[in-house]
């Protein structure tokens, strides 16, 4: 392992988390044949203004997962 991102196997973004089930709106993961992994998500555009809770979920190569929530105000 040469850099921190080598430990990430999968990561996804729920653009409008509702405090219930994680619904991935964007995802990146490694496969056995292709070990490349995007380190930036695609852009996301919200249809209307408001306050949104964005959750990023990461799974490492050992199977450990973690999530981080962010509050986003869209004007």
Foldseek 3Di string as FASTA:
>chain_A
DPDPCLFWAKKFKQWADPPPDRDGPWMWGADPVGRDTDPDTDDDDDPDWDKGKMKMKTATPVGDIDIDIDIDGGD
